[in-house]
């Protein structure tokens, strides 16, 4: 779970004030809204909210460099990940207006090495993620290998040219960063300029975006933020990532002020024509236009995009009818950027509804302090902190920051930051004997346990798994889709005699068999146990990770997403059957 304490009861009193506010009042309430995230360390970065192009809340939080204790400021440079796509899309539309490209140009015009299977893919399919080309950042070795090696864009595209299309071009939306690598190549082909130079001379400089550019880790960039993640109980530097890997899909840096200026320029017609801008936000009812998600939030039209590259998260939301912009940039992989952005908008619209806390006597809170066993090797340590409970998760190799829960009743406590509740179970005399954690649509029971026993369990060495060989025929009953949480699916597929598992928005992981139902991963500290009925049918699985066991029921009549078994089959240049990855949509992630 994401972690982070809530602020004091005074903060809630501020938040629960009048729903609609003048900008000055809004700034105070917005600061109070973000305070729990700042207090926990979850928010490290900058936030800007603007109405009619004018900031109504603008604030920097946390550290740009933890090793030098250098603070973030409003002019700190952050990597913006997939927010880059809207700049790439605008550049394509400029070149279309100049007659140098057409939205109906085939990929082969600017990428002659394209396989025959891509023959029907057009520029517009790349822009709106309907090409069917798989996502190179979802390849199994992307994080440990691909992302760490500098290589040209064409070399990155080559990683997937042997893969089959996931579907016929134009059939549906499937988010793929590979689409925007190819668009970067299209910009270079049509303009005769390098991608970074084109953006600099035709977008950044004309618009006065002096704090936006193509990120080159070898260059000296003043006020550059370092990226971090929280893991194993402490802050760590984010995994290294080669600058060239993100390219036109996510390679830019910027500031909140520059991104607001970009919004103003784009929406006022200073970047592309009105006709091109209409194309950009015409999603055809599929939820994605050209470089922007198109949807609704709080009952209003919303144009948005998120970004995530190693150590950084970004979110930009724009409500066109209200001309309200919310921009969040963070140098922390744990920051809930989208959650904060949507809450800030809800606060402006008067749509933020928070449970009202109560005050409990200290002796009641002290009574609940202790250790609770949430999983085989995962525990919750609870202590009192003023009028709230501080809850910290501890597993074998997994330590989370303390997270604050405020009382809603004498036995129920709520954390807005992680959208979770705990209900304390008690004996008739009031002594606690356990709790129930309500989160992500699940209820987890955690009996109270002696802290010394918990420490003993965590200290026990785990038996290393031993791989066995199984006939692929015995593996096929496990292939399907399993419900991991609301909106999250764990897909299991079969390739080359091995099962693989992939959660929504994450890379694939190979499963290695311990027996016919028990499997482990080498790329991730996790195991899976499949469950079945008396007829030999697989009905669900249990994901064992971080000391927790998570049951995942099988989605009825489910099969893997179009991929190995259902891809649009084509031939690679070598004549062998093209392969597919079973990639799922990555949403805000790069």
Protein backbone atom coordinates (compact mmCIF):
# COMPACT_ATOMS: atom_id res chain seq x y z
CA UNK A 1 0.00 0.00 0.00
CA UNK A 2 1.04 3.61 -0.42
CA UNK A 3 1.69 5.16 2.93
CA UNK A 4 1.50 8.55 4.57
CA UNK A 5 -0.04 10.08 7.70
CA UNK A 6 -3.03 12.35 7.77
CA UNK A 7 -2.76 15.77 9.28
CA UNK A 8 -4.32 16.95 12.50
CA UNK A 9 -8.02 17.36 13.15
CA UNK A 10 -7.56 21.07 12.52
CA UNK A 11 -6.68 20.28 8.92
CA UNK A 12 -9.96 18.44 8.50
CA UNK A 13 -11.83 21.38 9.98
CA UNK A 14 -10.30 23.59 7.32
CA UNK A 15 -11.07 21.13 4.54
CA UNK A 16 -14.67 20.81 5.58
CA UNK A 17 -15.25 24.55 5.32
CA UNK A 18 -17.36 26.22 2.63
CA UNK A 19 -17.39 24.23 -0.60
CA UNK A 20 -16.85 27.13 -3.02
CA UNK A 21 -14.12 29.65 -2.33
CA UNK A 22 -12.34 32.71 -3.57
CA UNK A 23 -8.77 32.00 -4.77
CA UNK A 24 -7.18 33.15 -1.49
CA UNK A 25 -9.38 30.84 0.55
CA UNK A 26 -8.85 28.05 -1.95
CA UNK A 27 -5.07 28.27 -1.58
CA UNK A 28 -5.36 27.77 2.19
CA UNK A 29 -7.66 24.82 1.82
CA UNK A 30 -5.54 23.31 -0.97
CA UNK A 31 -2.46 23.55 1.25
CA UNK A 32 -4.39 21.78 4.00
CA UNK A 33 -5.48 19.10 1.53
CA UNK A 34 -1.89 18.35 0.49
CA UNK A 35 -0.49 18.54 4.03
CA UNK A 36 -0.98 14.82 4.81
CA UNK A 37 0.94 13.89 1.68
CA UNK A 38 3.74 16.32 2.57
CA UNK A 39 3.86 15.13 6.17
CA UNK A 40 4.26 11.52 5.10
CA UNK A 41 6.93 12.33 2.52
CA UNK A 42 4.68 11.06 -0.26
CA UNK A 43 4.62 14.48 -1.90
CA UNK A 44 8.01 15.69 -3.00
CA UNK A 45 7.71 18.05 -5.95
CA UNK A 46 5.60 20.97 -7.14
CA UNK A 47 1.89 21.62 -7.61
CA UNK A 48 0.07 24.32 -9.53
CA UNK A 49 -3.68 24.95 -9.84
CA UNK A 50 -4.81 27.68 -12.24
CA UNK A 51 -8.18 29.18 -13.15
CA UNK A 52 -8.44 31.05 -16.46
CA UNK A 53 -4.68 30.76 -16.81
CA UNK A 54 -3.94 32.41 -13.46
CA UNK A 55 -2.49 30.39 -10.54
CA UNK A 56 -4.74 30.02 -7.51
CA UNK A 57 -2.43 27.54 -5.74
CA UNK A 58 1.28 27.13 -6.40
CA UNK A 59 3.61 25.34 -4.01
CA UNK A 60 6.84 23.32 -3.81
CA UNK A 61 7.40 20.43 -1.41
CA UNK A 62 10.19 18.18 -0.23
CA UNK A 63 13.72 17.71 -1.45
CA UNK A 64 15.13 17.96 -4.95
CA UNK A 65 18.26 16.16 -3.74
CA UNK A 66 18.16 14.12 -0.55
CA UNK A 67 21.91 13.62 -0.42
CA UNK A 68 22.54 17.38 -0.33
CA UNK A 69 19.31 18.26 1.50
CA UNK A 70 18.47 20.65 -1.35
CA UNK A 71 14.82 21.64 -1.42
CA UNK A 72 12.47 21.64 -4.38
CA UNK A 73 11.48 25.09 -5.63
CA UNK A 74 8.93 26.19 -8.17
CA UNK A 75 11.65 26.41 -10.82
CA UNK A 76 13.06 22.93 -10.14
CA UNK A 77 13.25 20.81 -13.31
CA UNK A 78 11.40 17.48 -13.24
CA UNK A 79 11.24 14.70 -15.79
CA UNK A 80 7.64 14.64 -17.03
CA UNK A 81 7.45 11.18 -18.62
CA UNK A 82 4.46 10.67 -20.88
CA UNK A 83 3.37 14.30 -20.69
CA UNK A 84 5.95 14.43 -23.50
CA UNK A 85 3.38 12.80 -25.78
CA UNK A 86 1.27 15.95 -26.09
CA UNK A 87 4.35 17.85 -27.34
CA UNK A 88 5.13 15.05 -29.80
CA UNK A 89 1.52 15.02 -31.03
CA UNK A 90 1.55 18.81 -31.48
CA UNK A 91 4.77 18.59 -33.50
CA UNK A 92 3.19 15.98 -35.77
CA UNK A 93 0.15 18.21 -36.31
CA UNK A 94 2.40 21.17 -37.16
CA UNK A 95 4.12 19.06 -39.82
CA UNK A 96 0.74 17.92 -41.15
CA UNK A 97 -0.34 21.56 -41.46
CA UNK A 98 2.92 22.29 -43.29
CA UNK A 99 2.16 19.52 -45.78
CA UNK A 100 5.20 17.50 -44.76
CA UNK A 101 3.21 14.66 -43.22
CA UNK A 102 -0.30 13.25 -43.46
CA UNK A 103 -2.30 11.58 -40.71
CA UNK A 104 -2.84 8.77 -43.22
CA UNK A 105 0.85 8.23 -44.00
CA UNK A 106 1.89 4.60 -43.48
CA UNK A 107 4.61 3.80 -40.97
CA UNK A 108 6.81 2.55 -43.79
CA UNK A 109 7.16 6.07 -45.18
CA UNK A 110 9.38 7.20 -42.30
CA UNK A 111 10.41 3.80 -40.94
CA UNK A 112 11.33 1.68 -43.99
CA UNK A 113 12.33 -1.22 -41.76
CA UNK A 114 8.70 -1.74 -40.67
CA UNK A 115 7.60 -5.38 -40.97
CA UNK A 116 4.87 -6.33 -43.43
CA UNK A 117 2.46 -6.85 -40.52
CA UNK A 118 2.55 -3.09 -39.92
CA UNK A 119 1.52 -2.26 -43.47
CA UNK A 120 -1.88 -0.87 -42.48
CA UNK A 121 -0.61 1.21 -39.55
CA UNK A 122 -1.02 4.93 -40.16
CA UNK A 123 0.21 8.04 -38.34
CA UNK A 124 -3.24 8.58 -36.77
CA UNK A 125 -3.11 5.04 -35.32
CA UNK A 126 0.17 5.88 -33.61
CA UNK A 127 -1.21 9.13 -32.22
CA UNK A 128 -4.30 7.59 -30.63
CA UNK A 129 -2.79 4.22 -29.64
CA UNK A 130 -4.89 2.15 -32.04
CA UNK A 131 -1.96 0.70 -34.01
CA UNK A 132 -1.86 -2.70 -32.31
CA UNK A 133 1.94 -2.43 -32.01
CA UNK A 134 3.09 -3.75 -28.65
CA UNK A 135 4.58 -1.62 -25.92
CA UNK A 136 8.36 -1.92 -25.66
CA UNK A 137 8.31 -0.74 -22.02
CA UNK A 138 6.17 -3.78 -21.09
CA UNK A 139 8.71 -6.30 -22.36
CA UNK A 140 9.85 -8.65 -19.57
CA UNK A 141 13.43 -7.35 -19.54
CA UNK A 142 12.60 -3.65 -19.90
CA UNK A 143 13.29 -2.61 -16.30
CA UNK A 144 16.39 -4.71 -15.57
CA UNK A 145 18.06 -4.37 -18.97
CA UNK A 146 16.47 -2.37 -21.81
CA UNK A 147 15.87 0.80 -19.79
CA UNK A 148 19.49 1.02 -18.68
CA UNK A 149 21.22 1.02 -22.07
CA UNK A 150 21.58 4.08 -24.27
CA UNK A 151 20.45 3.27 -27.80
CA UNK A 152 18.87 5.10 -30.74
CA UNK A 153 15.11 5.07 -31.22
CA UNK A 154 15.29 2.70 -34.17
CA UNK A 155 17.08 0.13 -32.03
CA UNK A 156 14.27 0.36 -29.48
CA UNK A 157 11.63 -0.14 -32.17
CA UNK A 158 13.54 -3.16 -33.46
CA UNK A 159 12.89 -4.88 -30.13
CA UNK A 160 9.25 -5.37 -31.14
CA UNK A 161 9.33 -5.62 -34.95
CA UNK A 162 9.24 -9.41 -34.69
CA UNK A 163 6.06 -9.30 -32.61
CA UNK A 164 2.60 -9.72 -34.07
CA UNK A 165 0.10 -6.90 -33.90
CA UNK A 166 -2.27 -7.23 -30.97
CA UNK A 167 -5.22 -6.37 -33.25
CA UNK A 168 -6.05 -4.87 -36.63
CA UNK A 169 -5.02 -1.18 -36.76
CA UNK A 170 -7.90 1.06 -35.68
CA UNK A 171 -9.82 -1.74 -33.94
CA UNK A 172 -9.33 -0.49 -30.38
CA UNK A 173 -7.08 1.48 -28.04
CA UNK A 174 -4.05 -0.22 -26.49
CA UNK A 175 -1.57 2.19 -24.91
CA UNK A 176 1.90 1.63 -26.32
CA UNK A 177 4.98 3.80 -25.92
CA UNK A 178 6.32 2.28 -29.13
CA UNK A 179 3.76 4.37 -31.05
CA UNK A 180 5.44 7.56 -29.90
CA UNK A 181 8.95 6.30 -30.63
CA UNK A 182 7.76 5.94 -34.22
CA UNK A 183 6.21 9.42 -34.16
CA UNK A 184 9.57 10.82 -33.08
CA UNK A 185 11.12 9.18 -36.14
CA UNK A 186 8.33 10.66 -38.26
CA UNK A 187 9.16 14.16 -36.97
CA UNK A 188 12.83 13.70 -37.82
CA UNK A 189 11.99 12.34 -41.28
CA UNK A 190 9.56 15.12 -42.18
CA UNK A 191 11.49 18.04 -40.69
CA UNK A 192 15.04 16.97 -41.37
CA UNK A 193 15.87 17.88 -37.79
CA UNK A 194 16.59 15.83 -34.68
CA UNK A 195 13.53 15.40 -32.47
CA UNK A 196 14.96 17.48 -29.62
CA UNK A 197 16.03 20.28 -31.99
CA UNK A 198 12.65 20.41 -33.70
CA UNK A 199 10.81 20.81 -30.39
CA UNK A 200 13.29 23.44 -29.23
CA UNK A 201 13.05 25.58 -32.36
CA UNK A 202 9.38 25.15 -33.25
CA UNK A 203 7.70 24.85 -29.85
CA UNK A 204 9.82 25.71 -26.81
CA UNK A 205 11.59 28.83 -28.10
CA UNK A 206 8.61 30.43 -29.89
CA UNK A 207 6.45 29.94 -26.79
CA UNK A 208 9.11 31.12 -24.34
CA UNK A 209 9.27 27.76 -22.54
CA UNK A 210 12.76 28.33 -21.18
CA UNK A 211 12.49 25.62 -18.52
CA UNK A 212 11.37 22.80 -20.82
CA UNK A 213 13.67 20.62 -22.86
CA UNK A 214 14.82 17.16 -23.86
CA UNK A 215 16.43 15.52 -20.85
CA UNK A 216 20.06 14.46 -21.31
CA UNK A 217 21.53 13.01 -18.13
CA UNK A 218 25.05 13.82 -19.31
CA UNK A 219 24.28 17.54 -19.67
CA UNK A 220 24.58 20.04 -16.81
CA UNK A 221 21.04 21.17 -16.07
CA UNK A 222 20.71 23.71 -13.26
CA UNK A 223 18.04 22.94 -10.67
CA UNK A 224 17.58 19.37 -11.89
CA UNK A 225 15.70 17.19 -9.38
CA UNK A 226 16.95 13.71 -8.56
CA UNK A 227 14.45 10.85 -8.62
CA UNK A 228 13.68 8.63 -5.63
CA UNK A 229 11.62 5.70 -4.45
CA UNK A 230 10.75 4.37 -1.01
CA UNK A 231 11.76 0.74 -0.51
CA UNK A 232 12.88 -1.60 2.24
CA UNK A 233 12.05 0.95 4.88
CA UNK A 234 14.07 3.87 3.51
CA UNK A 235 14.37 6.35 0.70
CA UNK A 236 16.56 5.17 -2.16
CA UNK A 237 17.79 6.58 -5.43
CA UNK A 238 15.57 5.45 -8.29
CA UNK A 239 16.90 2.82 -10.65
CA UNK A 240 19.15 4.26 -13.37
CA UNK A 241 17.48 4.91 -16.71
CA UNK A 242 19.17 5.75 -20.00
CA UNK A 243 18.17 9.19 -21.31
CA UNK A 244 17.53 7.94 -24.84
CA UNK A 245 15.12 5.19 -23.83
CA UNK A 246 12.10 7.46 -23.31
CA UNK A 247 12.72 9.59 -26.45
CA UNK A 248 9.52 11.04 -27.98
CA UNK A 249 7.34 8.94 -25.66
CA UNK A 250 8.60 10.44 -22.41
CA UNK A 251 11.96 12.18 -22.68
CA UNK A 252 11.21 15.78 -21.65
CA UNK A 253 11.73 17.79 -18.47
CA UNK A 254 9.78 20.87 -17.41
CA UNK A 255 8.36 22.95 -14.55
CA UNK A 256 4.77 23.55 -13.46
CA UNK A 257 4.93 27.16 -14.69
CA UNK A 258 6.13 26.13 -18.14
CA UNK A 259 3.44 23.45 -18.36
CA UNK A 260 0.78 26.03 -17.51
CA UNK A 261 2.19 28.30 -20.23
CA UNK A 262 2.09 25.32 -22.60
CA UNK A 263 -1.58 24.72 -21.80
CA UNK A 264 -2.38 28.36 -22.44
CA UNK A 265 -0.54 28.35 -25.78
CA UNK A 266 -2.04 25.07 -26.95
CA UNK A 267 -5.61 25.95 -26.04
CA UNK A 268 -5.42 29.50 -27.42
CA UNK A 269 -4.32 28.42 -30.91
CA UNK A 270 -0.68 29.49 -30.74
CA UNK A 271 0.70 25.98 -31.37
CA UNK A 272 -1.59 24.41 -33.96
CA UNK A 273 -4.74 25.46 -35.79
CA UNK A 274 -8.22 25.11 -34.33
CA UNK A 275 -8.90 22.21 -36.72
CA UNK A 276 -5.76 20.41 -35.54
CA UNK A 277 -6.64 21.03 -31.91
CA UNK A 278 -10.08 19.53 -32.49
CA UNK A 279 -8.38 16.47 -33.97
CA UNK A 280 -6.15 16.27 -30.91
CA UNK A 281 -9.11 15.97 -28.55
CA UNK A 282 -11.39 13.89 -30.77
CA UNK A 283 -11.19 10.48 -29.10
CA UNK A 284 -13.90 8.83 -31.20
CA UNK A 285 -15.49 7.67 -27.97
CA UNK A 286 -12.44 5.57 -27.06
CA UNK A 287 -10.96 7.74 -24.33
CA UNK A 288 -7.71 8.77 -26.04
CA UNK A 289 -7.09 11.52 -28.59
CA UNK A 290 -3.68 12.62 -29.86
CA UNK A 291 -1.37 12.66 -26.81
CA UNK A 292 -4.23 13.26 -24.34
CA UNK A 293 -6.74 11.15 -22.47
CA UNK A 294 -10.30 12.40 -22.98
CA UNK A 295 -12.82 11.66 -20.27
CA UNK A 296 -14.79 13.07 -17.36
CA UNK A 297 -14.17 13.71 -13.68
CA UNK A 298 -16.45 15.33 -11.11
CA UNK A 299 -19.16 15.41 -13.78
CA UNK A 300 -17.06 17.58 -16.10
CA UNK A 301 -15.09 17.07 -19.31
CA UNK A 302 -11.43 16.33 -18.55
CA UNK A 303 -8.37 16.31 -20.79
CA UNK A 304 -5.47 14.71 -18.97
CA UNK A 305 -2.29 12.69 -19.03
CA UNK A 306 0.09 11.19 -16.55
CA UNK A 307 3.74 10.32 -16.77
CA UNK A 308 6.13 8.01 -14.97
CA UNK A 309 9.82 7.46 -15.55
CA UNK A 310 12.31 6.14 -13.06
CA UNK A 311 12.04 8.28 -9.91
CA UNK A 312 9.45 10.72 -11.28
CA UNK A 313 5.68 11.00 -11.59
CA UNK A 314 3.67 13.70 -13.33
CA UNK A 315 0.01 14.55 -13.86
CA UNK A 316 -1.70 17.25 -15.86
CA UNK A 317 -5.48 17.71 -15.74
CA UNK A 318 -7.40 20.33 -17.71
CA UNK A 319 -11.15 20.97 -17.43
CA UNK A 320 -11.90 22.91 -20.65
CA UNK A 321 -15.37 24.22 -19.79
CA UNK A 322 -14.13 25.67 -16.49
CA UNK A 323 -10.62 26.48 -17.78
CA UNK A 324 -9.21 24.87 -14.65
CA UNK A 325 -5.70 23.38 -14.84
CA UNK A 326 -4.10 21.16 -12.22
CA UNK A 327 -0.44 20.15 -12.64
CA UNK A 328 1.54 17.88 -10.30
CA UNK A 329 5.24 17.06 -10.74
CA UNK A 330 7.00 14.73 -8.29
CA UNK A 331 10.51 13.31 -7.93
CA UNK A 332 9.20 10.35 -5.95
CA UNK A 333 7.85 7.13 -7.45
CA UNK A 334 5.47 6.73 -4.48
CA UNK A 335 3.68 10.05 -4.97
CA UNK A 336 -0.07 9.64 -5.72
CA UNK A 337 0.04 12.37 -8.35
CA UNK A 338 -3.31 11.62 -9.99
CA UNK A 339 -5.08 11.26 -6.65
CA UNK A 340 -3.84 14.64 -5.47
CA UNK A 341 -4.71 16.27 -8.79
CA UNK A 342 -8.27 14.97 -8.77
CA UNK A 343 -8.76 15.94 -5.12
CA UNK A 344 -7.55 19.48 -5.79
CA UNK A 345 -10.07 19.80 -8.62
CA UNK A 346 -12.83 18.34 -6.44
CA UNK A 347 -11.96 20.89 -3.78
CA UNK A 348 -12.37 23.71 -6.31
CA UNK A 349 -15.69 22.29 -7.57
CA UNK A 350 -17.02 21.77 -4.07
CA UNK A 351 -17.16 18.03 -4.67
CA UNK A 352 -14.64 16.84 -2.06
CA UNK A 353 -16.44 14.87 0.62
CA UNK A 354 -14.41 13.72 3.62
CA UNK A 355 -15.53 11.71 6.63
CA UNK A 356 -15.77 13.84 9.75
CA UNK A 357 -13.35 12.67 12.46
CA UNK A 358 -14.20 12.45 16.13
CA UNK A 359 -12.13 12.82 19.28
CA UNK A 360 -11.38 9.71 21.36
CA UNK A 361 -9.86 9.60 24.80
CA UNK A 362 -6.18 8.70 24.91
CA UNK A 363 -6.73 5.55 26.97
CA UNK A 364 -8.93 4.09 24.20
CA UNK A 365 -6.29 4.77 21.55
CA UNK A 366 -3.52 3.43 23.79
CA UNK A 367 -5.48 0.21 24.21
CA UNK A 368 -5.40 -0.42 20.46
CA UNK A 369 -1.62 -0.10 20.20
CA UNK A 370 0.14 -3.35 19.38
CA UNK A 371 1.04 -5.74 16.57
CA UNK A 372 -1.47 -7.38 14.21
CA UNK A 373 -0.79 -10.19 11.73
CA UNK A 374 -2.16 -9.23 8.31
CA UNK A 375 -0.46 -12.01 6.34
CA UNK A 376 1.80 -15.02 6.86
CA UNK A 377 4.85 -12.71 6.97
CA UNK A 378 3.30 -9.26 7.14
CA UNK A 379 2.35 -7.32 10.26
CA UNK A 380 0.82 -3.97 11.21
CA UNK A 381 2.42 -2.11 14.12
CA UNK A 382 0.03 0.41 15.70
CA UNK A 383 0.87 3.21 18.09
CA UNK A 384 -0.94 6.32 19.28
CA UNK A 385 0.14 9.74 18.04
CA UNK A 386 -1.97 12.42 19.67
CA UNK A 387 -5.59 11.85 18.66
CA UNK A 388 -4.84 9.37 15.87
CA UNK A 389 -3.32 5.95 15.30
CA UNK A 390 -0.07 5.54 13.39
CA UNK A 391 0.00 2.29 11.42
CA UNK A 392 3.17 0.85 9.90
CA UNK A 393 3.32 -2.23 7.70
CA UNK A 394 6.24 -4.61 8.14
CA UNK A 395 6.99 -7.69 6.08
CA UNK A 396 10.01 -9.81 5.34
CA UNK A 397 12.14 -7.36 3.36
CA UNK A 398 9.25 -4.87 3.25
CA UNK A 399 8.98 -1.87 5.59
CA UNK A 400 6.53 0.93 4.90
CA UNK A 401 6.37 4.46 6.30
CA UNK A 402 4.00 5.00 9.20
CA UNK A 403 0.52 5.93 8.03
CA UNK A 404 -1.99 7.91 10.11
CA UNK A 405 -5.60 6.85 10.68
CA UNK A 406 -8.06 9.24 12.35
CA UNK A 407 -11.09 8.00 14.31
CA UNK A 408 -14.55 7.85 12.75
CA UNK A 409 -16.01 5.92 15.69
CA UNK A 410 -14.65 4.31 18.82
CA UNK A 411 -13.43 1.32 16.75
CA UNK A 412 -13.17 2.54 13.13
CA UNK A 413 -10.31 4.65 11.78
CA UNK A 414 -9.79 6.17 8.33
CA UNK A 415 -6.80 7.16 6.19
CA UNK A 416 -7.66 9.48 3.30
CA UNK A 417 -4.15 9.34 1.89
CA UNK A 418 -4.32 5.61 1.14
CA UNK A 419 -8.14 5.28 1.01
CA UNK A 420 -8.26 2.69 3.76
CA UNK A 421 -10.13 1.97 6.99
CA UNK A 422 -9.38 -0.28 9.92
CA UNK A 423 -11.98 -1.64 12.29
CA UNK A 424 -10.74 -2.90 15.65
CA UNK A 425 -12.28 -6.14 16.96
CA UNK A 426 -12.56 -6.19 20.75
CA UNK A 427 -13.53 -8.48 23.60
CA UNK A 428 -16.56 -7.53 25.73
CA UNK A 429 -14.26 -5.70 28.14
CA UNK A 430 -12.83 -3.57 25.30
CA UNK A 431 -9.49 -5.37 24.89
CA UNK A 432 -8.55 -5.64 21.18
CA UNK A 433 -8.13 -9.11 19.71
CA UNK A 434 -7.63 -8.15 16.05
CA UNK A 435 -8.63 -5.78 13.28
CA UNK A 436 -10.04 -5.72 9.77
CA UNK A 437 -8.30 -3.66 7.09
CA UNK A 438 -10.72 -2.40 4.41
CA UNK A 439 -8.85 -1.35 1.28
CA UNK A 440 -9.13 -1.73 -2.52
CA UNK A 441 -12.45 -3.50 -2.18
CA UNK A 442 -11.00 -6.17 0.11
CA UNK A 443 -11.33 -6.94 3.79
CA UNK A 444 -8.25 -8.45 5.40
CA UNK A 445 -8.45 -9.89 8.91
CA UNK A 446 -5.43 -9.35 11.18
CA UNK A 447 -5.44 -11.07 14.59
CA UNK A 448 -3.45 -9.42 17.37
CA UNK A 449 -0.09 -11.09 17.97
CA UNK A 450 2.75 -10.78 20.44
CA UNK A 451 5.45 -8.46 18.99
CA UNK A 452 8.17 -10.95 19.89
CA UNK A 453 6.39 -13.68 17.92
CA UNK A 454 6.09 -11.35 14.95
CA UNK A 455 9.81 -10.61 15.10
CA UNK A 456 10.58 -14.34 15.25
CA UNK A 457 8.45 -15.04 12.16
CA UNK A 458 10.10 -12.24 10.20
CA UNK A 459 13.53 -13.53 11.15
CA UNK A 460 12.84 -17.07 9.92
CA UNK A 461 14.65 -17.84 6.66
CA UNK A 462 12.41 -18.81 3.78
CA UNK A 463 12.90 -22.07 1.95
CA UNK A 464 14.28 -21.33 -1.52
CA UNK A 465 12.00 -22.59 -4.30
CA UNK A 466 13.08 -25.51 -6.49
CA UNK A 467 12.00 -25.53 -10.11
CA UNK A 468 10.49 -28.65 -11.69
CA UNK A 469 9.61 -29.40 -15.31
CA UNK A 470 5.96 -29.74 -16.29
CA UNK A 471 4.23 -30.71 -19.50
CA UNK A 472 2.75 -27.52 -21.04
CA UNK A 473 -0.56 -29.36 -21.38
CA UNK A 474 -0.78 -29.38 -17.59
CA UNK A 475 -0.17 -25.63 -17.51
CA UNK A 476 -2.86 -24.54 -19.98
CA UNK A 477 -5.79 -24.76 -17.47
CA UNK A 478 -4.22 -21.83 -15.59
CA UNK A 479 -4.28 -19.49 -18.58
CA UNK A 480 -6.79 -16.67 -18.08
CA UNK A 481 -7.49 -13.41 -16.29
CA UNK A 482 -7.80 -12.98 -12.53
CA UNK A 483 -9.21 -10.11 -10.50
CA UNK A 484 -6.39 -8.58 -8.45
CA UNK A 485 -8.35 -5.54 -7.20
CA UNK A 486 -11.03 -3.22 -8.57
CA UNK A 487 -9.69 -2.04 -11.92
CA UNK A 488 -6.63 -4.31 -11.71
CA UNK A 489 -6.34 -7.60 -13.57
CA UNK A 490 -3.62 -10.24 -13.35
CA UNK A 491 -3.29 -11.95 -16.72
CA UNK A 492 -1.70 -15.39 -17.01
CA UNK A 493 -0.55 -16.65 -20.41
CA UNK A 494 1.46 -19.51 -21.84
CA UNK A 495 4.47 -19.14 -24.13
CA UNK A 496 7.23 -21.54 -25.09
CA UNK A 497 6.15 -24.03 -22.46
CA UNK A 498 6.16 -21.51 -19.59
CA UNK A 499 3.46 -19.52 -17.88
CA UNK A 500 3.81 -15.76 -17.54
CA UNK A 501 1.90 -13.31 -15.35
CA UNK A 502 1.27 -9.62 -15.96
CA UNK A 503 -0.63 -7.15 -13.80
CA UNK A 504 -2.39 -4.18 -15.37
CA UNK A 505 0.20 -1.55 -16.25
CA UNK A 506 3.20 -3.70 -15.36
CA UNK A 507 5.78 -5.80 -17.25
CA UNK A 508 5.38 -9.52 -17.72
CA UNK A 509 7.03 -11.98 -15.34
CA UNK A 510 7.87 -15.61 -16.16
CA UNK A 511 6.44 -18.21 -13.75
CA UNK A 512 8.63 -21.14 -12.76
CA UNK A 513 6.89 -24.29 -11.50
CA UNK A 514 7.44 -25.79 -8.07
CA UNK A 515 4.60 -28.23 -8.73
CA UNK A 516 1.44 -28.29 -10.82
CA UNK A 517 -0.18 -25.44 -8.87
CA UNK A 518 2.66 -23.59 -7.14
CA UNK A 519 4.89 -21.18 -9.11
CA UNK A 520 7.53 -18.58 -8.32
CA UNK A 521 9.12 -15.62 -10.09
CA UNK A 522 12.78 -14.86 -10.48
CA UNK A 523 12.30 -11.27 -11.64
CA UNK A 524 10.13 -10.39 -8.64
CA UNK A 525 10.00 -11.63 -5.05
CA UNK A 526 6.59 -13.22 -5.48
CA UNK A 527 4.86 -16.59 -5.79
CA UNK A 528 1.52 -17.75 -7.18
CA UNK A 529 -0.60 -20.69 -6.10
CA UNK A 530 -3.47 -21.69 -8.39
CA UNK A 531 -6.69 -22.97 -6.87
CA UNK A 532 -9.13 -25.40 -8.49
CA UNK A 533 -12.33 -27.33 -8.11
CA UNK A 534 -12.93 -31.05 -7.99
CA UNK A 535 -13.22 -31.23 -11.76
CA UNK A 536 -9.67 -29.95 -12.28
CA UNK A 537 -10.72 -26.48 -13.40
CA UNK A 538 -8.66 -23.52 -12.19
CA UNK A 539 -10.98 -21.19 -10.31
CA UNK A 540 -8.55 -18.63 -8.92
CA UNK A 541 -5.08 -17.98 -7.64
CA UNK A 542 -3.36 -16.58 -4.57
CA UNK A 543 -0.58 -14.04 -5.05
CA UNK A 544 2.06 -14.29 -2.33
CA UNK A 545 4.10 -11.10 -2.20
CA UNK A 546 5.64 -8.95 0.50
CA UNK A 547 4.46 -11.32 3.21
CA UNK A 548 0.81 -10.97 2.15
CA UNK A 549 -1.50 -13.49 0.50
CA UNK A 550 -3.95 -11.95 -1.98
CA UNK A 551 -6.75 -14.19 -3.35
CA UNK A 552 -7.57 -13.43 -6.99
CA UNK A 553 -10.73 -15.09 -8.33
CA UNK A 554 -10.72 -16.07 -11.97
CA UNK A 555 -12.75 -13.80 -14.23
CA UNK A 556 -15.43 -16.08 -15.77
CA UNK A 557 -14.78 -17.25 -19.32
CA UNK A 558 -11.59 -15.25 -19.38
CA UNK A 559 -8.71 -15.63 -21.76
CA UNK A 560 -5.50 -13.63 -22.05
CA UNK A 561 -5.76 -10.33 -23.90
CA UNK A 562 -5.15 -10.62 -27.64
CA UNK A 563 -1.56 -11.73 -27.86
CA UNK A 564 -0.05 -15.16 -28.11
CA UNK A 565 -3.38 -16.83 -28.60
CA UNK A 566 -5.44 -14.09 -30.21
CA UNK A 567 -3.08 -11.70 -31.96
CA UNK A 568 -3.45 -10.57 -35.52
CA UNK A 569 -1.00 -12.97 -37.07
CA UNK A 570 1.59 -11.77 -39.48
CA UNK A 571 4.99 -12.73 -40.77
CA UNK A 572 8.24 -11.22 -39.65
CA UNK A 573 10.85 -10.26 -42.19
CA UNK A 574 12.56 -13.57 -41.57
CA UNK A 575 9.38 -15.44 -42.50
CA UNK A 576 8.79 -16.91 -39.07
CA UNK A 577 5.46 -16.37 -37.37
CA UNK A 578 5.51 -13.07 -35.55
CA UNK A 579 5.15 -13.14 -31.79
CA UNK A 580 2.93 -11.11 -29.51
CA UNK A 581 3.49 -9.99 -25.96
CA UNK A 582 0.06 -10.00 -24.34
CA UNK A 583 0.69 -6.41 -23.33
CA UNK A 584 -1.96 -4.60 -21.33
CA UNK A 585 -2.58 -0.86 -21.18
CA UNK A 586 -0.09 0.92 -18.96
CA UNK A 587 -2.21 4.00 -18.35
CA UNK A 588 -0.11 6.76 -16.76
CA UNK A 589 3.10 4.78 -16.77
CA UNK A 590 5.89 4.98 -19.35
